[in-house]
């Protein structure tokens, strides 16, 4: 059984699991496994609704920003009541993180074909920085629409708030890990962390450059990225071929 809104679309559902959650009466004969199954079903349903609303809300970011208003407009566009934004207790940052995660997944899906098209080989050490250069530009271009409209500044501000920073850093960590994976990294030692720290710094500094770039097709940003990649290459060479060794002096100074 489901409770429907005035529009006819189902948002909140009543199920046997709801009854078990609302009262302890008459539950002595309830099968715990069945109760858990119904609760899991309800969780899946709510997750699907959340994703639909988030996807729809992205279409309103240029007008309403990364906000509860955009979430409400996305909800209403699907026929759900505007109060459905209550499914997102953290507000607009959940929309930012949804977009970030979607973009990360898109990069992971498309990057192998781009690497092949560029005739690069993840198994060749000489190609790893070229692959990373390709990956960073491709991922940042996914933000371009929101950079043009000025909304990415708002997104970065939301992600940097203390309450949101842990989740934001986790998304960045997954992003740079995927990039290194596609570049063929299999390091089992300290350099695993060092490589990801260096790439995260390159990515974030290039992202900040992109925010201020007024050149055509972000030409200045990609030139900035080329210089950062070259800095990494020179640093590795000076450290005897190891990113881990390159970072040790910085760690000792901190």
Foldseek 3Di string as FASTA:
>chain_A
DFDPDPLRDTDGGDDVLNVVVPDVPPCPPPDPVVSVVVVVVRVVVNVVLVLQLLVQLVVCCLPVNLFLVSSLVSQVVVVHHSVVSVSPVLTSLVSLLSLLVVLLVVLLVPLVVVCVVVVADLVDPVCLLVLLLVSLVSSLVSCVVCLVSVRVVVNVVSCPPPVNVVVSVVSLLVSLLSSNVSSNDDDPDPLSVLSSVLSSVLSVVLSVLQSPDPDPPSVVSSVSSVVSSVVQVVLCVVLVNTSSSSCVVVVVVD
